Amino acid sequence: MKLKLFIILFFTCFHLFSQKDSIVNFFDNNNKLTTDKTKAKNFEILTKVNDTLWLSRKYRRNGKLFYYQHYNSLAKTVKIGQSINYNKHGKMIQLSYYNKEGLLHGKYKSWFDNGNINAEGRLYEGNKEGLFKIYHYNGVLAGKAIFKKDTIIQEIYYNNNGEITKKEAVIRKKKPSFKGGLKEYRNELKKLKRALNYKIDGDVYVNFVIDIDGSITDVTVDETIPEKLYIELVDFFEDIKGWSAAIDRGRKIPFNYTQKINFKL
């Protein structure tokens, strides 16, 4: 059975492509343009608004919008106006603005998937200016910084209980890690491949969140696959233990991870 990867996607494309001055682009796993629609990870609808304005809307394989942005031309050389990012469930997770020169300018705000605010502040001609705030996943203030032309003038950090943390002890950036390293994680995936027995052909992308306690949550699959396979994939990934949480400026934060699984007849 061949995977029907783009049923929803094609219906969306054909509907939007019928609009005047619209173009559809497909992108592979490396965000490169591709003509092979069955291997595309996402696609874009570019619509001409007027002679100096084009609207870009980017969609996941399942047809859900994840990016909204205007550009000054079909070549997309300069971003203009409001820019919005959405998570895989269609919830807004980032809002920013660009001036006519294509520089971030104005208020900036981002949210965690649980709806709590992640960060907020303002930018001026591409630089952070004034007060920026970041928050823990539970909504508690995690830090404040004063910027001048993108340079921190003053900063202070807080733990989950609102107590001040020494900035020297704050870990700026750390991706999730698996106990035993990626080799051990790949060994877990080998167990999955041995356990599954489905006569399908193609790539399946499993999306999940590595939560702040290291557990795997919110497992989803974009492709149309047998229900039994979907349940087995969800159960398998939710049972994986060994991840540590991602850290950003002293905060444990959820991390979105996508795992490609290749099925061959």
C-alpha atoms as a PDB file:
ATOM      1  CA  MET A   1       0.000   0.000   0.000  1.00  0.00           C
ATOM      2  CA  LYS A   2       1.478   3.341  -1.053  1.00  0.00           C
ATOM      3  CA  LEU A   3       1.244   6.087   1.567  1.00  0.00           C
ATOM      4  CA  LYS A   4      -1.271   8.769   0.592  1.00  0.00           C
ATOM      5  CA  LEU A   5       0.895  11.568   1.857  1.00  0.00           C
ATOM      6  CA  PHE A   6      -0.752  14.610   0.351  1.00  0.00           C
ATOM      7  CA  ILE A   7      -4.513  14.115   0.165  1.00  0.00           C
ATOM      8  CA  ILE A   8      -5.370  17.102   2.319  1.00  0.00           C
ATOM      9  CA  LEU A   9      -2.439  19.070   0.938  1.00  0.00           C
ATOM     10  CA  PHE A  10      -3.529  18.720  -2.684  1.00  0.00           C
ATOM     11  CA  PHE A  11      -7.109  19.769  -1.994  1.00  0.00           C
ATOM     12  CA  THR A  12      -5.793  22.873  -0.253  1.00  0.00           C
ATOM     13  CA  CYS A  13      -3.320  23.610  -3.031  1.00  0.00           C
ATOM     14  CA  PHE A  14      -5.800  23.278  -5.865  1.00  0.00           C
ATOM     15  CA  HIS A  15      -8.316  25.483  -4.084  1.00  0.00           C
ATOM     16  CA  LEU A  16      -5.795  28.244  -3.383  1.00  0.00           C
ATOM     17  CA  PHE A  17      -3.967  27.885  -6.686  1.00  0.00           C
ATOM     18  CA  SER A  18      -7.205  28.707  -8.470  1.00  0.00           C
ATOM     19  CA  GLN A  19      -6.970  32.183  -6.980  1.00  0.00           C
ATOM     20  CA  LYS A  20      -5.562  34.860  -9.266  1.00  0.00           C
ATOM     21  CA  ASP A  21      -1.764  35.307  -9.231  1.00  0.00           C
ATOM     22  CA  SER A  22      -1.007  32.426  -6.844  1.00  0.00           C
ATOM     23  CA  ILE A  23       2.019  30.104  -6.944  1.00  0.00           C
ATOM     24  CA  VAL A  24       2.575  26.837  -5.054  1.00  0.00           C
ATOM     25  CA  ASN A  25       6.072  25.814  -3.893  1.00  0.00           C
ATOM     26  CA  PHE A  26       7.019  22.494  -2.280  1.00  0.00           C
ATOM     27  CA  PHE A  27       9.959  22.067   0.132  1.00  0.00           C
ATOM     28  CA  ASP A  28      11.845  18.954   1.185  1.00  0.00           C
ATOM     29  CA  ASN A  29      13.155  17.972   4.617  1.00  0.00           C
ATOM     30  CA  ASN A  30      16.116  20.371   4.179  1.00  0.00           C
ATOM     31  CA  ASN A  31      13.801  23.262   3.263  1.00  0.00           C
ATOM     32  CA  LYS A  32      14.945  23.095  -0.373  1.00  0.00           C
ATOM     33  CA  LEU A  33      12.533  23.494  -3.288  1.00  0.00           C
ATOM     34  CA  THR A  34      11.447  20.151  -4.715  1.00  0.00           C
ATOM     35  CA  THR A  35       9.255  18.997  -7.594  1.00  0.00           C
ATOM     36  CA  ASP A  36       8.633  15.613  -5.929  1.00  0.00           C
ATOM     37  CA  LYS A  37       5.461  16.367  -3.982  1.00  0.00           C
ATOM     38  CA  THR A  38       5.471  12.975  -2.245  1.00  0.00           C
ATOM     39  CA  LYS A  39       8.780  13.854  -0.546  1.00  0.00           C
ATOM     40  CA  ALA A  40       7.840  17.409   0.416  1.00  0.00           C
ATOM     41  CA  LYS A  41       7.733  18.198   4.121  1.00  0.00           C
ATOM     42  CA  ASN A  42       5.752  21.412   3.677  1.00  0.00           C
ATOM     43  CA  PHE A  43       4.441  23.704   0.972  1.00  0.00           C
ATOM     44  CA  GLU A  44       3.883  27.411   0.379  1.00  0.00           C
ATOM     45  CA  ILE A  45       1.148  29.422  -1.311  1.00  0.00           C
ATOM     46  CA  LEU A  46       2.464  32.727  -2.683  1.00  0.00           C
ATOM     47  CA  THR A  47      -0.317  35.154  -3.607  1.00  0.00           C
ATOM     48  CA  LYS A  48       0.118  38.507  -5.323  1.00  0.00           C
ATOM     49  CA  VAL A  49      -1.666  41.250  -3.363  1.00  0.00           C
ATOM     50  CA  ASN A  50      -0.531  44.134  -5.604  1.00  0.00           C
ATOM     51  CA  ASP A  51       2.509  45.169  -7.659  1.00  0.00           C
ATOM     52  CA  THR A  52       4.686  45.630  -4.555  1.00  0.00           C
ATOM     53  CA  LEU A  53       3.250  43.084  -2.125  1.00  0.00           C
ATOM     54  CA  TRP A  54       3.131  39.259  -2.024  1.00  0.00           C
ATOM     55  CA  LEU A  55       1.622  37.119   0.743  1.00  0.00           C
ATOM     56  CA  SER A  56       3.360  33.897   1.769  1.00  0.00           C
ATOM     57  CA  ARG A  57       1.425  31.219   3.638  1.00  0.00           C
ATOM     58  CA  LYS A  58       3.291  28.038   4.557  1.00  0.00           C
ATOM     59  CA  TYR A  59       1.545  24.773   5.426  1.00  0.00           C
ATOM     60  CA  ARG A  60       2.549  21.464   6.959  1.00  0.00           C
ATOM     61  CA  ARG A  61       2.099  18.183   5.108  1.00  0.00           C
ATOM     62  CA  ASN A  62      -1.333  17.800   6.705  1.00  0.00           C
ATOM     63  CA  GLY A  63      -2.480  21.166   5.355  1.00  0.00           C
ATOM     64  CA  LYS A  64      -2.218  23.186   8.601  1.00  0.00           C
ATOM     65  CA  LEU A  65      -0.890  26.741   8.365  1.00  0.00           C
ATOM     66  CA  PHE A  66       2.360  27.390  10.267  1.00  0.00           C
ATOM     67  CA  TYR A  67       3.709  30.667   8.796  1.00  0.00           C
ATOM     68  CA  TYR A  68       2.184  33.927   7.523  1.00  0.00           C
ATOM     69  CA  GLN A  69       4.277  36.768   6.053  1.00  0.00           C
ATOM     70  CA  HIS A  70       4.139  39.538   3.424  1.00  0.00           C
ATOM     71  CA  TYR A  71       7.082  40.277   1.092  1.00  0.00           C
ATOM     72  CA  ASN A  72       7.923  43.143  -1.267  1.00  0.00           C
ATOM     73  CA  SER A  73       8.271  40.875  -4.308  1.00  0.00           C
ATOM     74  CA  LEU A  74       7.861  37.362  -5.679  1.00  0.00           C
ATOM     75  CA  ALA A  75      11.568  36.807  -4.922  1.00  0.00           C
ATOM     76  CA  LYS A  76      10.801  37.357  -1.205  1.00  0.00           C
ATOM     77  CA  THR A  77      13.850  39.555  -0.693  1.00  0.00           C
ATOM     78  CA  VAL A  78      12.285  41.837   1.942  1.00  0.00           C
ATOM     79  CA  LYS A  79       9.764  40.931   4.658  1.00  0.00           C
ATOM     80  CA  ILE A  80       7.095  43.533   5.376  1.00  0.00           C
ATOM     81  CA  GLY A  81       4.539  43.992   8.154  1.00  0.00           C
ATOM     82  CA  GLN A  82       3.081  41.398  10.481  1.00  0.00           C
ATOM     83  CA  SER A  83       4.802  38.010  10.809  1.00  0.00           C
ATOM     84  CA  ILE A  84       3.044  35.078  12.523  1.00  0.00           C
ATOM     85  CA  ASN A  85       4.182  31.558  13.393  1.00  0.00           C
ATOM     86  CA  TYR A  86       1.768  28.793  14.431  1.00  0.00           C
ATOM     87  CA  ASN A  87       2.359  25.469  16.161  1.00  0.00           C
ATOM     88  CA  LYS A  88       1.230  22.138  14.706  1.00  0.00           C
ATOM     89  CA  HIS A  89      -2.220  22.574  16.271  1.00  0.00           C
ATOM     90  CA  GLY A  90      -2.767  25.978  14.666  1.00  0.00           C
ATOM     91  CA  LYS A  91      -2.146  28.079  17.791  1.00  0.00           C
ATOM     92  CA  MET A  92      -0.163  31.307  17.432  1.00  0.00           C
ATOM     93  CA  ILE A  93       3.279  30.948  19.046  1.00  0.00           C
ATOM     94  CA  GLN A  94       5.114  34.022  17.741  1.00  0.00           C
ATOM     95  CA  LEU A  95       4.141  37.516  16.615  1.00  0.00           C
ATOM     96  CA  SER A  96       6.549  40.134  15.235  1.00  0.00           C
ATOM     97  CA  TYR A  97       6.649  43.016  12.757  1.00  0.00           C
ATOM     98  CA  TYR A  98       8.974  44.169   9.942  1.00  0.00           C
ATOM     99  CA  ASN A  99       9.416  47.696   8.583  1.00  0.00           C
ATOM    100  CA  LYS A 100       9.621  48.565   4.864  1.00  0.00           C
ATOM    101  CA  GLU A 101      13.376  47.898   4.902  1.00  0.00           C
ATOM    102  CA  GLY A 102      12.777  44.323   6.079  1.00  0.00           C
ATOM    103  CA  LEU A 103      14.051  44.887   9.621  1.00  0.00           C
ATOM    104  CA  LEU A 104      12.290  43.684  12.755  1.00  0.00           C
ATOM    105  CA  HIS A 105      10.591  46.764  14.147  1.00  0.00           C
ATOM    106  CA  GLY A 106       7.920  47.049  16.824  1.00  0.00           C
ATOM    107  CA  LYS A 107       6.541  44.701  19.450  1.00  0.00           C
ATOM    108  CA  TYR A 108       7.597  41.076  19.708  1.00  0.00           C
ATOM    109  CA  LYS A 109       5.778  38.351  21.601  1.00  0.00           C
ATOM    110  CA  SER A 110       5.973  34.555  21.764  1.00  0.00           C
ATOM    111  CA  TRP A 111       4.018  31.852  23.591  1.00  0.00           C
ATOM    112  CA  PHE A 112       4.547  28.281  24.741  1.00  0.00           C
ATOM    113  CA  ASP A 113       2.221  25.581  23.421  1.00  0.00           C
ATOM    114  CA  ASN A 114       0.315  25.631  26.730  1.00  0.00           C
ATOM    115  CA  GLY A 115      -0.691  29.243  26.045  1.00  0.00           C
ATOM    116  CA  ASN A 116       1.622  30.832  28.615  1.00  0.00           C
ATOM    117  CA  ILE A 117       3.813  33.678  27.442  1.00  0.00           C
ATOM    118  CA  ASN A 118       7.398  32.814  26.526  1.00  0.00           C
ATOM    119  CA  ALA A 119       8.995  36.200  25.797  1.00  0.00           C
ATOM    120  CA  GLU A 120       8.031  39.805  25.045  1.00  0.00           C
ATOM    121  CA  GLY A 121       9.695  43.094  24.180  1.00  0.00           C
ATOM    122  CA  ARG A 122      10.247  45.612  21.380  1.00  0.00           C
ATOM    123  CA  LEU A 123      12.670  45.976  18.497  1.00  0.00           C
ATOM    124  CA  TYR A 124      13.848  49.071  16.670  1.00  0.00           C
ATOM    125  CA  GLU A 125      15.237  48.723  13.148  1.00  0.00           C
ATOM    126  CA  GLY A 126      16.415  45.185  13.737  1.00  0.00           C
ATOM    127  CA  ASN A 127      17.757  45.644  17.259  1.00  0.00           C
ATOM    128  CA  LYS A 128      16.314  44.831  20.663  1.00  0.00           C
ATOM    129  CA  GLU A 129      15.642  48.060  22.532  1.00  0.00           C
ATOM    130  CA  GLY A 130      14.501  48.648  26.087  1.00  0.00           C
ATOM    131  CA  LEU A 131      12.941  46.043  28.352  1.00  0.00           C
ATOM    132  CA  PHE A 132      12.674  42.377  27.328  1.00  0.00           C
ATOM    133  CA  LYS A 133      11.074  39.739  29.554  1.00  0.00           C
ATOM    134  CA  ILE A 134      11.226  35.943  29.450  1.00  0.00           C
ATOM    135  CA  TYR A 135       9.037  33.497  31.390  1.00  0.00           C
ATOM    136  CA  HIS A 136       9.158  29.964  32.714  1.00  0.00           C
ATOM    137  CA  TYR A 137       6.832  27.365  31.196  1.00  0.00           C
ATOM    138  CA  ASN A 138       4.527  27.735  34.221  1.00  0.00           C
ATOM    139  CA  GLY A 139       4.060  31.468  33.566  1.00  0.00           C
ATOM    140  CA  VAL A 140       6.421  32.739  36.296  1.00  0.00           C
ATOM    141  CA  LEU A 141       8.790  35.551  35.275  1.00  0.00           C
ATOM    142  CA  ALA A 142      12.214  34.042  34.455  1.00  0.00           C
ATOM    143  CA  GLY A 143      14.243  37.100  33.563  1.00  0.00           C
ATOM    144  CA  LYS A 144      14.397  40.764  32.591  1.00  0.00           C
ATOM    145  CA  ALA A 145      16.982  42.545  30.468  1.00  0.00           C
ATOM    146  CA  ILE A 146      17.518  46.107  29.315  1.00  0.00           C
ATOM    147  CA  PHE A 147      18.841  46.362  25.741  1.00  0.00           C
ATOM    148  CA  LYS A 148      20.457  49.207  23.837  1.00  0.00           C
ATOM    149  CA  LYS A 149      21.051  48.526  20.147  1.00  0.00           C
ATOM    150  CA  ASP A 150      20.823  44.772  20.753  1.00  0.00           C
ATOM    151  CA  THR A 151      23.359  44.861  23.597  1.00  0.00           C
ATOM    152  CA  ILE A 152      22.362  43.885  27.133  1.00  0.00           C
ATOM    153  CA  ILE A 153      22.946  46.761  29.546  1.00  0.00           C
ATOM    154  CA  GLN A 154      21.426  45.103  32.593  1.00  0.00           C
ATOM    155  CA  GLU A 155      19.897  41.680  33.299  1.00  0.00           C
ATOM    156  CA  ILE A 156      18.392  39.669  36.128  1.00  0.00           C
ATOM    157  CA  TYR A 157      17.094  36.074  36.306  1.00  0.00           C
ATOM    158  CA  TYR A 158      14.623  34.217  38.530  1.00  0.00           C
ATOM    159  CA  ASN A 159      13.929  30.560  39.283  1.00  0.00           C
ATOM    160  CA  ASN A 160      10.518  28.876  39.162  1.00  0.00           C
ATOM    161  CA  ASN A 161       9.731  30.230  42.615  1.00  0.00           C
ATOM    162  CA  GLY A 162      10.477  33.832  41.694  1.00  0.00           C
ATOM    163  CA  GLU A 163      13.802  33.908  43.560  1.00  0.00           C
ATOM    164  CA  ILE A 164      16.777  35.713  42.010  1.00  0.00           C
ATOM    165  CA  THR A 165      19.349  33.438  40.342  1.00  0.00           C
ATOM    166  CA  LYS A 166      23.004  34.345  39.851  1.00  0.00           C
ATOM    167  CA  LYS A 167      23.459  35.070  36.148  1.00  0.00           C
ATOM    168  CA  GLU A 168      26.788  33.190  36.182  1.00  0.00           C
ATOM    169  CA  ALA A 169      24.845  30.006  36.938  1.00  0.00           C
ATOM    170  CA  VAL A 170      22.345  30.505  34.121  1.00  0.00           C
ATOM    171  CA  ILE A 171      22.737  28.040  31.213  1.00  0.00           C
ATOM    172  CA  ARG A 172      22.154  30.089  28.077  1.00  0.00           C
ATOM    173  CA  LYS A 173      21.345  27.313  25.596  1.00  0.00           C
ATOM    174  CA  LYS A 174      21.242  23.536  25.706  1.00  0.00           C
ATOM    175  CA  LYS A 175      19.447  21.096  23.421  1.00  0.00           C
ATOM    176  CA  PRO A 176      17.801  17.936  24.776  1.00  0.00           C
ATOM    177  CA  SER A 177      20.186  15.009  25.199  1.00  0.00           C
ATOM    178  CA  PHE A 178      19.468  11.298  25.392  1.00  0.00           C
ATOM    179  CA  LYS A 179      20.970   9.130  28.121  1.00  0.00           C
ATOM    180  CA  GLY A 180      23.740   7.149  26.437  1.00  0.00           C
ATOM    181  CA  GLY A 181      23.826   9.562  23.480  1.00  0.00           C
ATOM    182  CA  LEU A 182      22.154   9.515  20.076  1.00  0.00           C
ATOM    183  CA  LYS A 183      23.533   6.049  19.395  1.00  0.00           C
ATOM    184  CA  GLU A 184      21.399   4.686  22.224  1.00  0.00           C
ATOM    185  CA  TYR A 185      18.378   6.603  20.931  1.00  0.00           C
ATOM    186  CA  ARG A 186      18.887   5.070  17.488  1.00  0.00           C
ATOM    187  CA  ASN A 187      18.978   1.640  19.139  1.00  0.00           C
ATOM    188  CA  GLU A 188      15.517   2.405  20.510  1.00  0.00           C
ATOM    189  CA  LEU A 189      14.330   3.252  16.987  1.00  0.00           C
ATOM    190  CA  LYS A 190      15.706  -0.059  15.689  1.00  0.00           C
ATOM    191  CA  LYS A 191      13.411  -1.834  18.148  1.00  0.00           C
ATOM    192  CA  LEU A 192      10.497   0.027  16.590  1.00  0.00           C
ATOM    193  CA  LYS A 193      11.453  -0.943  13.046  1.00  0.00           C
ATOM    194  CA  ARG A 194      11.726  -4.605  14.060  1.00  0.00           C
ATOM    195  CA  ALA A 195       8.342  -4.539  15.785  1.00  0.00           C
ATOM    196  CA  LEU A 196       6.390  -2.955  12.909  1.00  0.00           C
ATOM    197  CA  ASN A 197       5.158  -4.999   9.985  1.00  0.00           C
ATOM    198  CA  TYR A 198       3.230  -2.882   7.508  1.00  0.00           C
ATOM    199  CA  LYS A 199       3.241  -3.127   3.721  1.00  0.00           C
ATOM    200  CA  ILE A 200       3.541   0.575   3.013  1.00  0.00           C
ATOM    201  CA  ASP A 201       6.108   2.587   1.074  1.00  0.00           C
ATOM    202  CA  GLY A 202       7.330   6.087   1.962  1.00  0.00           C
ATOM    203  CA  ASP A 203       8.506   8.346   4.761  1.00  0.00           C
ATOM    204  CA  VAL A 204       6.459   8.955   7.894  1.00  0.00           C
ATOM    205  CA  TYR A 205       7.286  11.987  10.023  1.00  0.00           C
ATOM    206  CA  VAL A 206       6.537  11.553  13.719  1.00  0.00           C
ATOM    207  CA  ASN A 207       6.305  14.856  15.591  1.00  0.00           C
ATOM    208  CA  PHE A 208       6.566  14.972  19.367  1.00  0.00           C
ATOM    209  CA  VAL A 209       7.493  17.247  22.256  1.00  0.00           C
ATOM    210  CA  ILE A 210      10.292  16.538  24.734  1.00  0.00           C
ATOM    211  CA  ASP A 211       8.669  18.040  27.809  1.00  0.00           C
ATOM    212  CA  ILE A 212      10.366  19.899  30.662  1.00  0.00           C
ATOM    213  CA  ASP A 213      10.545  16.669  32.696  1.00  0.00           C
ATOM    214  CA  GLY A 214      12.124  14.739  29.792  1.00  0.00           C
ATOM    215  CA  SER A 215       8.985  12.788  28.947  1.00  0.00           C
ATOM    216  CA  ILE A 216       7.651  12.581  25.381  1.00  0.00           C
ATOM    217  CA  THR A 217       4.216  14.114  24.841  1.00  0.00           C
ATOM    218  CA  ASP A 218       1.932  15.335  22.053  1.00  0.00           C
ATOM    219  CA  VAL A 219       2.913  12.665  19.510  1.00  0.00           C
ATOM    220  CA  THR A 220       1.385  13.337  16.079  1.00  0.00           C
ATOM    221  CA  VAL A 221       1.827  12.101  12.507  1.00  0.00           C
ATOM    222  CA  ASP A 222       1.103  14.268   9.457  1.00  0.00           C
ATOM    223  CA  GLU A 223       0.659  11.458   6.932  1.00  0.00           C
ATOM    224  CA  THR A 224      -2.432   9.359   6.350  1.00  0.00           C
ATOM    225  CA  ILE A 225      -1.489   5.940   7.770  1.00  0.00           C
ATOM    226  CA  PRO A 226      -3.408   2.914   9.116  1.00  0.00           C
ATOM    227  CA  GLU A 227      -4.983   3.675  12.501  1.00  0.00           C
ATOM    228  CA  LYS A 228      -3.302   0.671  14.127  1.00  0.00           C
ATOM    229  CA  LEU A 229       0.123   1.891  12.971  1.00  0.00           C
ATOM    230  CA  TYR A 230      -0.626   5.380  14.282  1.00  0.00           C
ATOM    231  CA  ILE A 231      -1.538   3.999  17.726  1.00  0.00           C
ATOM    232  CA  GLU A 232       1.597   1.839  17.812  1.00  0.00           C
ATOM    233  CA  LEU A 233       3.792   4.825  16.929  1.00  0.00           C
ATOM    234  CA  VAL A 234       2.218   7.016  19.610  1.00  0.00           C
ATOM    235  CA  ASP A 235       2.551   4.287  22.251  1.00  0.00           C
ATOM    236  CA  PHE A 236       6.159   3.558  21.291  1.00  0.00           C
ATOM    237  CA  PHE A 237       7.391   7.147  21.476  1.00  0.00           C
ATOM    238  CA  GLU A 238       5.470   7.957  24.655  1.00  0.00           C
ATOM    239  CA  ASP A 239       7.178   4.985  26.325  1.00  0.00           C
ATOM    240  CA  ILE A 240      10.721   6.130  25.480  1.00  0.00           C
ATOM    241  CA  LYS A 241      12.619   7.206  28.610  1.00  0.00           C
ATOM    242  CA  GLY A 242      15.992   8.895  28.782  1.00  0.00           C
ATOM    243  CA  TRP A 243      15.620  12.416  27.388  1.00  0.00           C
ATOM    244  CA  SER A 244      16.723  15.475  29.355  1.00  0.00           C
ATOM    245  CA  ALA A 245      14.902  18.770  28.851  1.00  0.00           C
ATOM    246  CA  ALA A 246      16.100  21.610  26.630  1.00  0.00           C
ATOM    247  CA  ILE A 247      17.343  24.701  28.451  1.00  0.00           C
ATOM    248  CA  ASP A 248      17.102  28.295  27.285  1.00  0.00           C
ATOM    249  CA  ARG A 249      18.468  31.113  29.466  1.00  0.00           C
ATOM    250  CA  GLY A 250      18.111  29.100  32.641  1.00  0.00           C
ATOM    251  CA  ARG A 251      14.637  27.802  31.798  1.00  0.00           C
ATOM    252  CA  LYS A 252      13.614  24.226  31.099  1.00  0.00           C
ATOM    253  CA  ILE A 253      11.488  24.489  27.973  1.00  0.00           C
ATOM    254  CA  PRO A 254       9.531  22.055  25.756  1.00  0.00           C
ATOM    255  CA  PHE A 255      11.393  21.053  22.595  1.00  0.00           C
ATOM    256  CA  ASN A 256       9.679  20.125  19.315  1.00  0.00           C
ATOM    257  CA  TYR A 257      11.295  17.097  17.675  1.00  0.00           C
ATOM    258  CA  THR A 258      10.544  15.407  14.345  1.00  0.00           C
ATOM    259  CA  GLN A 259      11.633  11.833  13.644  1.00  0.00           C
ATOM    260  CA  LYS A 260      11.534  10.498  10.083  1.00  0.00           C
ATOM    261  CA  ILE A 261      10.778   6.794   9.706  1.00  0.00           C
ATOM    262  CA  ASN A 262      11.246   5.211   6.303  1.00  0.00           C
ATOM    263  CA  PHE A 263       9.024   2.322   5.236  1.00  0.00           C
ATOM    264  CA  LYS A 264       9.959   0.247   2.199  1.00  0.00           C
ATOM    265  CA  LEU A 265       8.031  -2.509   0.494  1.00  0.00           C
END
